[in-house]
Amino acid sequence: MLARPPHLALAPYLLSRVTGPTVALVLLVVLSGCSQMSSRWFGGGGDSQGYWLPLTVGLRLDPSVTEAGLDYTDSCRQPRTLPLGDRLTNALKRDLGMVFERVQADAQPLGSGVAAPSDGVVEVVLGLKELNLYILRQATKSYPATVTLGATVSYFDAGGTLLSTKNLRVEARGNVDTEGQTCEVHGLAGLADDASVRLARGLKEHLGTSIKILQAAEAKQRGGPPLSSGSPTEARRGGSAASRPAQAAATQGRTIDVDQVPDRVHGYERRKTVGIAIGVGAFRDPDVPVVRFASHDAEVMAKYLRTVGGIPAWQVKVVTDDHALKDDLVEVLENWLPQHVEAGGDVLVFFSGRAMVDPETGAVSLFPYEGTPTSPVRSFSLRRLHAALTRLPLRHAVLLLDVTLTVRPESGRHEGHGPVWEAAASTTGDGKLVQILGISGVQDAHRYERGRHGLFTFHLLRGLGGEADADGDGLVSLGELFDYVQTQVPKAARAAYGHELEPMSIPPLDPNAQARSIPLTRVK
């Protein structure tokens, strides 16, 4: 248990509420009689800056954090892994421990049957972990290197209500050194430490300044009820913990890891293929419900496209959360993509997030970061995406959609025109556009807690990684992938949530469809 004396823990919290001459009075009252105080209390900033909100919380670090490692190739061209778990764990425990009055490490997952600490639980999941380093040969030389880390931090109150979530990406850049007589790469540990510290500080700042967490701390200070069951945020998690027995059961046990991307098959490259992975799970408007794991879905999908998909790294684009404004989507799909497409090439676009249907027309729109249900102008039309793909000189365009679909709220009803997924007749591109959807109507796309992905995305990744290779030839085709998710996703949804989730393809991928043979990944 990490703890601070109550009079110290409240000092920064109280000071944040007062200004001017009142500061001197508060300092006198709070600090009088305190002679055994660390000098950091007078630092006013820096690494030791704390928030010390008057809350008692548990800290849960996902196995993606505690077991993390950075993969790289040494100067002898041998694969290596630099352990990252201890570095991240220590940095997170240190920095997040300065946000709250008391932090209980190693908290149990929500839904595990173990009671949460009195005020809530902080959960950290690591999504992106990459080391950008290319060593030419065994020689005494210095090389530039970049460590990139991305994580999601979520704060749940004691009742299981999600009060705050944030996706953060950081980079640490520097040089590493090699020596001609050895395979070792020197300097990587320092870069990993730097990236871990940057990530921990960023997550600390978010938690310490989150409006809803501050409101919870304020409510506790004045003795009022916390933000818990029955509050508007409860709806964002799909009801109370008691109403989600299947979901609670799904969170028990060890995480099923599809983030361990299969190795690239030597010699398999698709230089005329372009991949785009978009994940929008957090939104500028706090009233828009979050979509857990959406940005992580996109980041991992991009890794699969670069490895087993054989797509060159410079031909894969990843766009997530606050980097996924409507203008960002326009830039990627209507400017960047045409510059990277070759005549007769293929494009694969993946989107994980939220979408809305207009009940009067059936038009479907995707939510960018600034999207809101009441402002269609801030959304990105699916028809616009279709047009961006089909006007290019492509052979095939494959669109994978893992979306939660809702009805435009001003309609006040769910009746009306159902979602229109088909491309307009003028943009069909002679059948070159194929869409694989995780849902078939207005419904939520389930979040698979054990897999740390959307349920549909989880099975897409498993299929692309080789599970969908029905004929055993080592090549996963679009038809094989669709057959796999069409079988596995309904069974998994029925087992975990009590009802089926039915993927669909547009146009239908019947046994004679030419698009069934589109190659997606090589796994052996």
Protein backbone atom coordinates (compact mmCIF):
# COMPACT_ATOMS: atom_id res chain seq x y z
CA MET A 1 0.00 0.00 0.00
CA LEU A 2 1.36 3.38 -1.05
CA ALA A 3 0.18 6.06 1.38
CA ARG A 4 0.78 9.65 2.50
CA PRO A 5 -0.20 11.31 5.80
CA PRO A 6 -3.63 12.88 5.33
CA HIS A 7 -2.46 16.46 5.98
CA LEU A 8 0.20 16.09 3.29
CA ALA A 9 -2.03 14.28 0.85
CA LEU A 10 -4.58 17.10 0.88
CA ALA A 11 -2.14 20.00 0.54
CA PRO A 12 -1.81 20.09 -3.28
CA TYR A 13 -5.53 19.31 -3.59
CA LEU A 14 -6.49 22.25 -1.37
CA LEU A 15 -3.97 24.60 -2.96
CA SER A 16 -5.49 23.90 -6.37
CA ARG A 17 -8.75 25.38 -5.08
CA VAL A 18 -7.37 28.68 -3.67
CA THR A 19 -5.44 31.68 -4.96
CA GLY A 20 -3.86 34.92 -3.80
CA PRO A 21 -3.35 35.69 -0.07
CA THR A 22 -5.38 32.62 0.83
CA VAL A 23 -2.44 30.42 -0.20
CA ALA A 24 -0.32 31.58 2.72
CA LEU A 25 -3.11 30.84 5.19
CA VAL A 26 -3.70 27.35 3.76
CA LEU A 27 0.01 26.57 3.90
CA LEU A 28 0.19 27.71 7.50
CA VAL A 29 -2.79 25.59 8.54
CA VAL A 30 -1.90 22.48 6.58
CA LEU A 31 1.82 22.39 7.26
CA SER A 32 2.00 23.64 10.83
CA GLY A 33 3.54 21.11 13.18
CA CYS A 34 5.12 19.25 10.27
CA SER A 35 8.90 19.19 10.56
CA GLN A 36 9.64 15.77 8.98
CA MET A 37 8.75 16.81 5.43
CA SER A 38 10.60 15.89 2.23
CA SER A 39 12.05 18.80 0.26
CA ARG A 40 10.07 17.72 -2.77
CA TRP A 41 6.99 19.38 -1.29
CA PHE A 42 8.59 22.72 -2.08
CA GLY A 43 9.68 21.78 -5.60
CA GLY A 44 6.50 23.02 -7.31
CA GLY A 45 7.00 20.74 -10.32
CA GLY A 46 9.37 18.28 -11.94
CA ASP A 47 9.42 14.53 -11.54
CA SER A 48 8.14 14.66 -7.96
CA GLN A 49 5.03 16.68 -8.79
CA GLY A 50 2.06 14.91 -7.25
CA TYR A 51 -1.69 15.43 -7.09
CA TRP A 52 -2.50 13.31 -4.01
CA LEU A 53 -6.24 13.31 -4.59
CA PRO A 54 -8.10 12.08 -1.48
CA LEU A 55 -9.08 8.73 -3.00
CA THR A 56 -8.13 5.14 -2.26
CA VAL A 57 -7.80 3.16 -5.48
CA GLY A 58 -6.45 -0.09 -6.79
CA LEU A 59 -3.91 -0.27 -9.62
CA ARG A 60 -4.30 -3.06 -12.15
CA LEU A 61 -1.57 -3.50 -14.73
CA ASP A 62 -2.62 -5.73 -17.61
CA PRO A 63 -0.26 -8.57 -18.65
CA SER A 64 0.43 -6.51 -21.79
CA VAL A 65 2.28 -4.16 -19.40
CA THR A 66 3.93 -6.57 -16.97
CA GLU A 67 5.10 -8.99 -19.68
CA ALA A 68 6.01 -6.43 -22.35
CA GLY A 69 9.17 -6.66 -24.46
CA LEU A 70 10.71 -4.79 -27.39
CA ASP A 71 11.68 -6.94 -30.36
CA TYR A 72 14.69 -5.99 -32.45
CA THR A 73 17.49 -7.46 -34.54
CA ASP A 74 21.07 -7.19 -33.26
CA SER A 75 24.20 -6.46 -35.31
CA CYS A 76 24.58 -10.16 -36.10
CA ARG A 77 21.07 -10.14 -37.62
CA GLN A 78 19.71 -12.27 -34.80
CA PRO A 79 16.27 -11.57 -33.27
CA ARG A 80 16.36 -10.24 -29.70
CA THR A 81 13.85 -9.05 -27.12
CA LEU A 82 14.55 -6.33 -24.58
CA PRO A 83 12.40 -6.94 -21.45
CA LEU A 84 10.17 -3.94 -20.79
CA GLY A 85 7.73 -5.18 -18.17
CA ASP A 86 9.72 -4.32 -15.03
CA ARG A 87 10.65 -0.89 -16.36
CA LEU A 88 7.05 -0.03 -17.15
CA THR A 89 5.69 -1.52 -13.94
CA ASN A 90 8.11 0.46 -11.75
CA ALA A 91 7.53 3.73 -13.60
CA LEU A 92 3.74 3.36 -13.50
CA LYS A 93 3.61 2.41 -9.82
CA ARG A 94 5.84 5.35 -8.95
CA ASP A 95 4.03 8.01 -10.98
CA LEU A 96 0.44 6.81 -10.60
CA GLY A 97 1.12 6.42 -6.89
CA MET A 98 1.49 10.22 -6.75
CA VAL A 99 -1.99 10.84 -8.13
CA PHE A 100 -4.01 9.47 -5.20
CA GLU A 101 -3.81 9.47 -1.42
CA ARG A 102 -3.54 5.68 -1.33
CA VAL A 103 -2.84 3.20 -4.12
CA GLN A 104 -3.17 -0.55 -3.75
CA ALA A 105 -0.95 -2.32 -6.27
CA ASP A 106 -1.93 -5.55 -8.05
CA ALA A 107 -5.68 -4.97 -7.91
CA GLN A 108 -7.87 -7.73 -9.32
CA PRO A 109 -9.75 -7.25 -12.62
CA LEU A 110 -13.26 -5.89 -12.45
CA GLY A 111 -15.78 -8.68 -12.46
CA SER A 112 -13.37 -11.13 -10.81
CA GLY A 113 -15.50 -11.33 -7.68
CA VAL A 114 -12.89 -9.49 -5.57
CA ALA A 115 -14.19 -6.23 -4.15
CA ALA A 116 -12.59 -3.07 -5.50
CA PRO A 117 -10.86 -0.65 -3.11
CA SER A 118 -13.17 1.86 -1.49
CA ASP A 119 -13.08 4.46 -4.29
CA GLY A 120 -12.09 2.78 -7.55
CA VAL A 121 -9.63 1.00 -9.80
CA VAL A 122 -7.07 2.29 -12.30
CA GLU A 123 -6.40 -0.08 -15.20
CA VAL A 124 -3.50 0.29 -17.64
CA VAL A 125 -3.32 -1.68 -20.90
CA LEU A 126 -0.31 -1.44 -23.21
CA GLY A 127 -1.16 -1.41 -26.90
CA LEU A 128 1.71 -0.11 -28.99
CA LYS A 129 5.30 -1.14 -28.28
CA GLU A 130 7.74 -0.68 -31.12
CA LEU A 131 11.48 -0.22 -31.56
CA ASN A 132 12.43 1.43 -34.83
CA LEU A 133 16.04 0.39 -35.39
CA TYR A 134 17.85 -0.82 -38.47
CA ILE A 135 21.41 -2.10 -38.13
CA LEU A 136 23.21 -2.64 -41.40
CA ARG A 137 26.02 -4.95 -40.37
CA GLN A 138 28.38 -5.98 -37.60
CA ALA A 139 30.60 -2.95 -37.16
CA THR A 140 31.56 -0.25 -34.67
CA LYS A 141 28.91 2.30 -35.44
CA SER A 142 26.13 4.48 -34.03
CA TYR A 143 22.53 4.15 -35.21
CA PRO A 144 19.39 6.25 -34.57
CA ALA A 145 16.64 4.46 -32.68
CA THR A 146 13.09 5.30 -31.60
CA VAL A 147 11.04 3.54 -28.92
CA THR A 148 7.28 4.14 -29.28
CA LEU A 149 4.83 3.15 -26.57
CA GLY A 150 1.06 3.51 -26.51
CA ALA A 151 -1.26 2.70 -23.62
CA THR A 152 -4.82 3.12 -22.42
CA VAL A 153 -5.51 4.15 -18.83
CA SER A 154 -9.04 3.82 -17.46
CA TYR A 155 -10.48 4.82 -14.10
CA PHE A 156 -13.51 2.93 -12.75
CA ASP A 157 -15.34 3.83 -9.59
CA ALA A 158 -16.05 1.19 -6.95
CA GLY A 159 -19.30 0.25 -8.69
CA GLY A 160 -17.54 -0.48 -11.97
CA THR A 161 -18.61 2.70 -13.78
CA LEU A 162 -16.07 4.06 -16.23
CA LEU A 163 -15.36 7.67 -15.23
CA SER A 164 -12.33 8.42 -17.38
CA THR A 165 -10.24 6.86 -20.15
CA LYS A 166 -7.26 8.08 -22.15
CA ASN A 167 -5.10 6.73 -24.95
CA LEU A 168 -1.57 8.08 -24.92
CA ARG A 169 1.37 7.56 -27.28
CA VAL A 170 4.95 8.63 -26.49
CA GLU A 171 8.31 8.40 -28.24
CA ALA A 172 11.88 8.32 -26.98
CA ARG A 173 14.58 9.02 -29.57
CA GLY A 174 18.32 8.56 -29.32
CA ASN A 175 21.34 6.72 -30.66
CA VAL A 176 22.54 3.20 -29.94
CA ASP A 177 26.02 1.81 -30.50
CA THR A 178 27.44 -1.44 -31.83
CA GLU A 179 30.96 -2.87 -31.68
CA GLY A 180 32.61 -4.74 -34.50
CA GLN A 181 33.54 -7.84 -32.49
CA THR A 182 30.24 -8.47 -30.71
CA CYS A 183 26.53 -8.70 -31.46
CA GLU A 184 25.51 -6.42 -28.60
CA VAL A 185 23.57 -3.18 -29.07
CA HIS A 186 24.37 -0.62 -26.37
CA GLY A 187 21.99 2.13 -25.29
CA LEU A 188 18.67 0.39 -25.76
CA ALA A 189 18.00 0.10 -22.03
CA GLY A 190 18.30 3.86 -21.60
CA LEU A 191 15.83 4.49 -24.41
CA ALA A 192 13.39 1.98 -22.93
CA ASP A 193 13.68 3.67 -19.53
CA ASP A 194 13.08 7.09 -21.11
CA ALA A 195 9.98 5.90 -22.97
CA SER A 196 8.60 4.20 -19.84
CA VAL A 197 9.05 7.38 -17.78
CA ARG A 198 7.41 9.54 -20.47
CA LEU A 199 4.43 7.22 -20.66
CA ALA A 200 3.99 7.06 -16.88
CA ARG A 201 4.17 10.85 -16.55
CA GLY A 202 1.60 11.36 -19.29
CA LEU A 203 -0.85 8.92 -17.71
CA LYS A 204 -0.26 10.52 -14.32
CA GLU A 205 -1.12 13.94 -15.70
CA HIS A 206 -4.34 12.68 -17.27
CA LEU A 207 -5.55 11.00 -14.08
CA GLY A 208 -4.59 13.95 -11.92
CA THR A 209 -6.46 16.46 -14.09
CA SER A 210 -9.48 14.42 -15.20
CA ILE A 211 -12.64 16.40 -14.47
CA LYS A 212 -14.68 13.36 -13.43
CA ILE A 213 -11.96 12.02 -11.13
CA LEU A 214 -11.61 15.46 -9.54
CA GLN A 215 -15.38 15.53 -9.07
CA ALA A 216 -15.23 12.13 -7.36
CA ALA A 217 -12.48 13.41 -5.06
CA GLU A 218 -14.47 16.55 -4.30
CA ALA A 219 -17.60 14.52 -3.57
CA LYS A 220 -15.69 12.37 -1.13
CA GLN A 221 -14.20 15.43 0.57
CA ARG A 222 -17.60 16.95 1.25
CA GLY A 223 -19.07 13.59 2.26
CA GLY A 224 -21.47 13.39 -0.67
CA PRO A 225 -22.26 10.32 -2.78
CA PRO A 226 -19.61 9.28 -5.30
CA LEU A 227 -20.21 9.16 -9.04
CA SER A 228 -21.37 5.57 -9.29
CA SER A 229 -24.32 3.41 -10.27
CA GLY A 230 -27.22 5.33 -11.73
CA SER A 231 -25.09 8.22 -13.02
CA PRO A 232 -25.10 9.03 -16.72
CA THR A 233 -21.73 7.39 -17.12
CA GLU A 234 -23.22 4.07 -16.07
CA ALA A 235 -24.87 3.75 -19.46
CA ARG A 236 -21.48 3.95 -21.12
CA ARG A 237 -20.44 0.61 -19.69
CA GLY A 238 -23.72 -1.12 -20.48
CA GLY A 239 -25.29 -1.24 -17.00
CA SER A 240 -24.15 -2.19 -13.52
CA ALA A 241 -21.77 -5.01 -12.74
CA ALA A 242 -24.69 -7.10 -11.53
CA SER A 243 -26.38 -6.81 -14.94
CA ARG A 244 -23.32 -8.11 -16.82
CA PRO A 245 -22.73 -11.69 -15.56
CA ALA A 246 -21.49 -12.92 -18.92
CA GLN A 247 -19.12 -10.00 -19.33
CA ALA A 248 -17.84 -10.47 -15.79
CA ALA A 249 -17.18 -14.12 -16.48
CA ALA A 250 -15.36 -13.21 -19.67
CA THR A 251 -12.86 -11.05 -17.77
CA GLN A 252 -11.78 -13.89 -15.51
CA GLY A 253 -8.74 -15.91 -16.37
CA ARG A 254 -5.68 -15.01 -18.31
CA THR A 255 -5.74 -12.69 -21.29
CA ILE A 256 -5.85 -14.47 -24.65
CA ASP A 257 -3.01 -12.90 -26.59
CA VAL A 258 -3.35 -12.21 -30.31
CA ASP A 259 -0.89 -9.34 -29.96
CA GLN A 260 2.00 -11.77 -30.45
CA VAL A 261 2.13 -11.22 -34.19
CA PRO A 262 3.29 -14.22 -36.25
CA ASP A 263 6.65 -13.87 -37.96
CA ARG A 264 6.83 -12.62 -41.50
CA VAL A 265 7.29 -15.38 -44.07
CA HIS A 266 10.62 -14.75 -45.76
CA GLY A 267 10.22 -13.50 -49.31
CA TYR A 268 6.48 -12.78 -49.06
CA GLU A 269 5.87 -9.17 -50.04
CA ARG A 270 2.95 -7.32 -51.58
CA ARG A 271 4.53 -4.08 -52.75
CA LYS A 272 1.42 -3.01 -54.66
CA THR A 273 -0.82 -3.28 -51.60
CA VAL A 274 -1.63 -0.43 -49.20
CA GLY A 275 -3.05 -0.84 -45.67
CA ILE A 276 -4.89 1.71 -43.51
CA ALA A 277 -5.89 0.96 -39.90
CA ILE A 278 -8.18 3.42 -38.10
CA GLY A 279 -9.25 3.09 -34.47
CA VAL A 280 -11.35 5.72 -32.68
CA GLY A 281 -12.34 4.75 -29.15
CA ALA A 282 -12.04 8.05 -27.26
CA PHE A 283 -13.86 11.21 -28.27
CA ARG A 284 -13.54 14.93 -27.69
CA ASP A 285 -17.12 15.10 -26.40
CA PRO A 286 -17.20 13.35 -22.99
CA ASP A 287 -20.85 12.44 -23.56
CA VAL A 288 -19.99 10.19 -26.49
CA PRO A 289 -19.54 6.67 -25.07
CA VAL A 290 -16.02 5.30 -25.36
CA VAL A 291 -15.25 2.23 -27.43
CA ARG A 292 -12.74 0.21 -25.46
CA PHE A 293 -9.75 -1.24 -27.32
CA ALA A 294 -10.59 0.54 -30.61
CA SER A 295 -7.22 2.27 -30.97
CA HIS A 296 -5.48 -0.92 -29.87
CA ASP A 297 -7.44 -2.82 -32.53
CA ALA A 298 -6.01 -0.55 -35.22
CA GLU A 299 -2.44 -0.62 -33.94
CA VAL A 300 -2.30 -4.41 -33.81
CA MET A 301 -4.07 -4.78 -37.15
CA ALA A 302 -1.37 -2.59 -38.70
CA LYS A 303 1.30 -4.93 -37.32
CA TYR A 304 -0.41 -7.91 -38.96
CA LEU A 305 -0.58 -6.05 -42.27
CA ARG A 306 3.15 -5.29 -42.10
CA THR A 307 4.21 -8.81 -41.13
CA VAL A 308 2.01 -11.68 -42.29
CA GLY A 309 0.27 -9.31 -44.71
CA GLY A 310 3.58 -8.62 -46.45
CA ILE A 311 2.78 -4.93 -46.94
CA PRO A 312 5.87 -2.65 -46.78
CA ALA A 313 5.94 -0.52 -43.62
CA TRP A 314 5.81 2.74 -45.59
CA GLN A 315 2.60 1.53 -47.25
CA VAL A 316 0.74 1.09 -43.92
CA LYS A 317 -0.93 4.03 -42.18
CA VAL A 318 -2.28 4.01 -38.60
CA VAL A 319 -4.72 6.68 -37.39
CA THR A 320 -6.12 6.62 -33.83
CA ASP A 321 -8.18 8.71 -31.40
CA ASP A 322 -7.16 12.40 -31.22
CA HIS A 323 -5.10 11.92 -34.39
CA ALA A 324 -8.30 10.78 -36.14
CA LEU A 325 -10.13 14.05 -36.64
CA LYS A 326 -12.37 14.28 -39.70
CA ASP A 327 -9.65 16.29 -41.45
CA ASP A 328 -7.15 13.53 -40.64
CA LEU A 329 -9.40 10.92 -42.26
CA VAL A 330 -9.79 13.14 -45.32
CA GLU A 331 -6.02 13.59 -45.53
CA VAL A 332 -5.30 9.86 -45.27
CA LEU A 333 -8.07 8.56 -47.53
CA GLU A 334 -8.21 11.30 -50.14
CA ASN A 335 -4.63 12.63 -50.25
CA TRP A 336 -2.16 10.11 -48.78
CA LEU A 337 -3.82 7.00 -50.24
CA PRO A 338 -3.90 8.12 -53.90
CA GLN A 339 -0.18 8.94 -53.67
CA HIS A 340 0.66 5.40 -52.53
CA VAL A 341 -1.63 3.36 -54.78
CA GLU A 342 -0.26 1.77 -57.94
CA ALA A 343 -2.42 0.79 -60.88
CA GLY A 344 -3.72 -2.74 -60.40
CA GLY A 345 -2.85 -2.75 -56.70
CA ASP A 346 -4.95 -3.64 -53.65
CA VAL A 347 -6.05 -1.61 -50.61
CA LEU A 348 -7.18 -2.92 -47.23
CA VAL A 349 -8.89 -0.47 -44.85
CA PHE A 350 -9.77 -1.42 -41.25
CA PHE A 351 -11.98 0.72 -38.99
CA SER A 352 -12.81 0.10 -35.32
CA GLY A 353 -15.08 2.51 -33.48
CA ARG A 354 -18.53 4.03 -33.57
CA ALA A 355 -20.98 4.72 -36.41
CA MET A 356 -24.46 6.19 -36.78
CA VAL A 357 -27.31 5.55 -39.19
CA ASP A 358 -29.77 8.15 -40.47
CA PRO A 359 -33.21 6.47 -40.11
CA GLU A 360 -34.65 8.56 -42.93
CA THR A 361 -32.12 7.53 -45.58
CA GLY A 362 -30.18 4.62 -44.07
CA ALA A 363 -26.91 6.47 -44.67
CA VAL A 364 -24.13 5.30 -42.35
CA SER A 365 -21.50 7.70 -40.99
CA LEU A 366 -18.32 6.89 -39.07
CA PHE A 367 -17.38 8.86 -35.96
CA PRO A 368 -14.01 10.64 -36.04
CA TYR A 369 -12.52 11.99 -32.81
CA GLU A 370 -14.73 15.11 -32.78
CA GLY A 371 -17.86 13.22 -33.88
CA THR A 372 -21.13 13.68 -32.00
CA PRO A 373 -24.57 12.11 -32.51
CA THR A 374 -26.19 15.54 -32.94
CA SER A 375 -23.74 16.96 -35.51
CA PRO A 376 -23.69 14.95 -38.76
CA VAL A 377 -21.30 17.48 -40.30
CA ARG A 378 -18.60 16.21 -37.92
CA SER A 379 -18.92 12.62 -39.09
CA PHE A 380 -17.31 10.88 -42.07
CA SER A 381 -19.81 9.38 -44.48
CA LEU A 382 -19.35 5.72 -45.37
CA ARG A 383 -20.37 6.62 -48.91
CA ARG A 384 -17.51 9.12 -49.02
CA LEU A 385 -15.15 6.34 -47.97
CA HIS A 386 -16.57 4.10 -50.69
CA ALA A 387 -16.03 6.83 -53.27
CA ALA A 388 -12.45 7.45 -52.09
CA LEU A 389 -11.63 3.77 -52.61
CA THR A 390 -13.45 2.96 -55.82
CA ARG A 391 -12.28 5.95 -57.84
CA LEU A 392 -8.67 4.74 -57.53
CA PRO A 393 -7.08 2.48 -60.20
CA LEU A 394 -7.34 -0.54 -57.92
CA ARG A 395 -7.74 -4.23 -58.53
CA HIS A 396 -9.49 -4.80 -55.19
CA ALA A 397 -10.43 -2.75 -52.12
CA VAL A 398 -11.27 -4.62 -48.90
CA LEU A 399 -13.02 -2.76 -46.08
CA LEU A 400 -13.18 -4.36 -42.60
CA LEU A 401 -15.60 -2.63 -40.21
CA ASP A 402 -15.83 -3.36 -36.47
CA VAL A 403 -18.37 -0.73 -35.45
CA THR A 404 -21.03 -0.11 -32.85
CA LEU A 405 -23.97 1.25 -34.82
CA THR A 406 -26.57 3.56 -33.30
CA VAL A 407 -29.50 5.57 -34.71
CA ARG A 408 -29.33 9.33 -35.05
CA PRO A 409 -30.83 10.48 -31.71
CA GLU A 410 -33.18 13.19 -33.00
CA SER A 411 -35.28 10.48 -34.63
CA GLY A 412 -36.37 9.37 -31.17
CA ARG A 413 -36.94 5.84 -32.43
CA HIS A 414 -35.25 2.85 -33.95
CA GLU A 415 -37.84 2.34 -36.65
CA GLY A 416 -37.27 3.63 -40.14
CA HIS A 417 -34.74 2.89 -42.84
CA GLY A 418 -32.16 0.29 -41.86
CA PRO A 419 -28.46 0.85 -42.48
CA VAL A 420 -27.43 0.98 -46.12
CA TRP A 421 -24.00 -0.61 -46.37
CA GLU A 422 -23.85 -1.02 -50.13
CA ALA A 423 -21.85 1.43 -52.19
CA ALA A 424 -23.82 3.71 -54.49
CA ALA A 425 -24.24 2.40 -58.03
CA SER A 426 -21.94 5.11 -59.38
CA THR A 427 -19.09 4.05 -57.08
CA THR A 428 -19.26 0.26 -57.13
CA GLY A 429 -16.05 0.12 -59.14
CA ASP A 430 -17.18 -2.92 -61.14
CA GLY A 431 -17.31 -5.08 -58.03
CA LYS A 432 -13.81 -4.27 -56.83
CA LEU A 433 -15.03 -3.13 -53.37
CA VAL A 434 -15.72 -5.86 -50.76
CA GLN A 435 -16.85 -5.11 -47.20
CA ILE A 436 -16.69 -7.44 -44.20
CA LEU A 437 -18.86 -6.18 -41.33
CA GLY A 438 -18.87 -7.35 -37.72
CA ILE A 439 -22.59 -6.56 -37.38
CA SER A 440 -25.62 -6.66 -39.64
CA GLY A 441 -27.83 -4.01 -38.06
CA VAL A 442 -28.19 -1.43 -35.29
CA GLN A 443 -26.35 -3.00 -32.37
CA ASP A 444 -23.25 -2.81 -30.22
CA ALA A 445 -20.04 -4.46 -31.29
CA HIS A 446 -18.94 -6.42 -28.23
CA ARG A 447 -15.64 -5.72 -26.48
CA TYR A 448 -13.87 -8.99 -25.71
CA GLU A 449 -12.20 -8.39 -22.34
CA ARG A 450 -10.02 -11.50 -22.32
CA GLY A 451 -8.72 -10.76 -25.78
CA ARG A 452 -8.24 -7.02 -25.13
CA HIS A 453 -9.88 -6.31 -28.51
CA GLY A 454 -13.27 -5.95 -30.07
CA LEU A 455 -14.79 -9.41 -30.39
CA PHE A 456 -14.93 -9.19 -34.20
CA THR A 457 -11.40 -7.77 -34.45
CA PHE A 458 -10.07 -10.46 -32.15
CA HIS A 459 -11.27 -13.17 -34.54
CA LEU A 460 -10.13 -11.22 -37.58
CA LEU A 461 -6.62 -11.21 -36.12
CA ARG A 462 -6.76 -14.90 -35.24
CA GLY A 463 -7.93 -15.67 -38.74
CA LEU A 464 -5.26 -13.54 -40.39
CA GLY A 465 -2.65 -15.18 -38.15
CA GLY A 466 -3.41 -18.60 -39.66
CA GLU A 467 -6.54 -19.92 -37.96
CA ALA A 468 -8.57 -19.21 -41.09
CA ASP A 469 -6.28 -21.19 -43.40
CA ALA A 470 -8.85 -23.89 -44.15
CA ASP A 471 -7.01 -25.67 -46.95
CA GLY A 472 -3.61 -25.62 -45.20
CA ASP A 473 -1.74 -23.98 -48.07
CA GLY A 474 -0.26 -21.30 -45.81
CA LEU A 475 -2.20 -18.51 -47.50
CA VAL A 476 -5.27 -16.87 -45.91
CA SER A 477 -7.67 -15.58 -48.55
CA LEU A 478 -10.57 -13.19 -48.09
CA GLY A 479 -13.05 -16.04 -48.51
CA GLU A 480 -11.32 -18.14 -45.87
CA LEU A 481 -11.21 -15.19 -43.46
CA PHE A 482 -14.91 -14.47 -43.90
CA ASP A 483 -15.87 -18.14 -43.46
CA TYR A 484 -13.81 -18.20 -40.26
CA VAL A 485 -15.31 -15.09 -38.62
CA GLN A 486 -18.81 -16.02 -39.79
CA THR A 487 -18.45 -19.27 -37.85
CA GLN A 488 -16.43 -18.19 -34.81
CA VAL A 489 -17.89 -14.78 -33.93
CA PRO A 490 -21.53 -15.93 -33.45
CA LYS A 491 -20.39 -18.84 -31.27
CA ALA A 492 -18.17 -16.60 -29.13
CA ALA A 493 -20.90 -13.95 -28.76
CA ARG A 494 -23.48 -16.58 -27.81
CA ALA A 495 -21.18 -18.11 -25.20
CA ALA A 496 -20.07 -14.81 -23.64
CA TYR A 497 -23.13 -12.58 -24.03
CA GLY A 498 -26.10 -14.87 -24.56
CA HIS A 499 -26.91 -13.80 -28.12
CA GLU A 500 -25.28 -13.97 -31.52
CA LEU A 501 -23.33 -11.35 -33.40
CA GLU A 502 -23.49 -12.08 -37.13
CA PRO A 503 -20.78 -10.84 -39.49
CA MET A 504 -21.81 -10.21 -43.08
CA SER A 505 -20.14 -9.50 -46.41
CA ILE A 506 -21.16 -7.04 -49.10
CA PRO A 507 -21.43 -8.26 -51.79
CA PRO A 508 -22.06 -11.81 -50.54
CA LEU A 509 -18.97 -14.03 -50.68
CA ASP A 510 -20.70 -17.12 -52.02
CA PRO A 511 -18.57 -20.10 -53.13
CA ASN A 512 -18.34 -18.79 -56.70
CA ALA A 513 -17.49 -15.17 -55.85
CA GLN A 514 -14.27 -14.08 -57.52
CA ALA A 515 -13.32 -11.92 -54.52
CA ARG A 516 -12.98 -15.01 -52.31
CA SER A 517 -9.51 -15.63 -53.72
CA ILE A 518 -8.08 -12.21 -52.75
CA PRO A 519 -4.90 -13.01 -50.76
CA LEU A 520 -4.57 -11.39 -47.34
CA THR A 521 -1.76 -13.05 -45.37
CA ARG A 522 0.96 -15.66 -45.73
CA VAL A 523 1.50 -17.69 -42.57
CA LYS A 524 3.88 -20.43 -43.69
